Amino acid sequence: MAPFDIHDKPACLANILVLDLDGSVSLPGMITRLDLRSYEEKVRYYAGFGDMAALERAIEEEAGAPRIVFLGSGDFHHISYLLIKHMPQTVQVIVFDNHPDNMFFPAGIHCGSWVYHASKLPNVSNIAVFGIASRDIAGPDLFQNRFSVIKAGKVKYYCLAPVSKLAKLLGGPGIEDISASQKSMAEIVERHVRNNGSPVYLSIDKDVLAHSVVGATWDQGKMREDELLTCIGTIAPKVIAADVAGDISSYNYRSFMKRLMRRLDGYEPVPGPLEEARLRHGDINMKIVSLLGKRRGRC
């Protein structure tokens, strides 16, 4: 493994790894990057089970170690499934995302369906998704959600948008509207983590943040930067591994089907100058690294 050097800001989880699928991750200094650009077309946005298995073999030596892993664009959030699969102990998964990522997708694993697959893993006690404010929980899109795992208590949504009566009927207590809660998001996250007991695998998609904080290539949520960082800091002592998605990149698919589906599914043009946007993402990345690196006083 190559050494890491992040300008005197060491990471105290084993180390930092970039799964370099799209060249988007901005982190200062010298860190370990695994070149996976040859997989971009195959696994970006969605991947068939065969392509996921091939990628799993490519990252097998790196998967499962307690570390912070950067995935690049939110188009790769389903790679979290592979990392969680290789965790050597039972974990509860805490996700920050504007989308539930628990949707029907029959052709493999999709960046919007991976939570369902992860909830079926034997080493996952439960998954909670915080910050949902997207159209995925409203209107016709509501019926794409996998309510079976919600009703079974394996997946829970904490929403920052009003939840309809129909959504409450279909999801029961597994879909909670916290948009008007008197408690802070950090208090709600801390309570959930404490009640569930298991060590935490943390997965962050920065599209959970409001557009005024940082731009992303998916429709974005409502969380403030300080709100997200406070949540991370609150649960950091329980976090044994983490991944981060939501950095900025653009890509022209060779696959007509991927081009069509991506546009129908909420593609947003890359906001503003690409390098400027990546610097902003890099700043947030470093704040996340710093918070997780200070877990249990190890920095």
Foldseek 3Di string as FASTA:
>chain_A
DDDWDQPPQAFQQVHEEEAPCFVFADGDTDGHYDDPVVCNLQPFQHHAAVSLVVVLVSCVVPAQRQYEYEHEALSRQLVVLSNLLNNPAAAEEEEEDQAQLCFDDDRHRGSSRNQVVSLPRPSYQAYEYELHDDCCQDDPNVVRGDLVCLVVRRYAYEYLHDHDPVSCVSRPRRYHDCNPPPDAPLVVLLVVCVVVPAQYEYEYAVLSDDVVQADFFFNHGHDHLVSVLSNCLSRLLRHRHYYYHGGDDDDDHPDPVCVVVCVVRGTDPGPDDNVVRSVSVNVSVSSSSSSNSCHPNPD
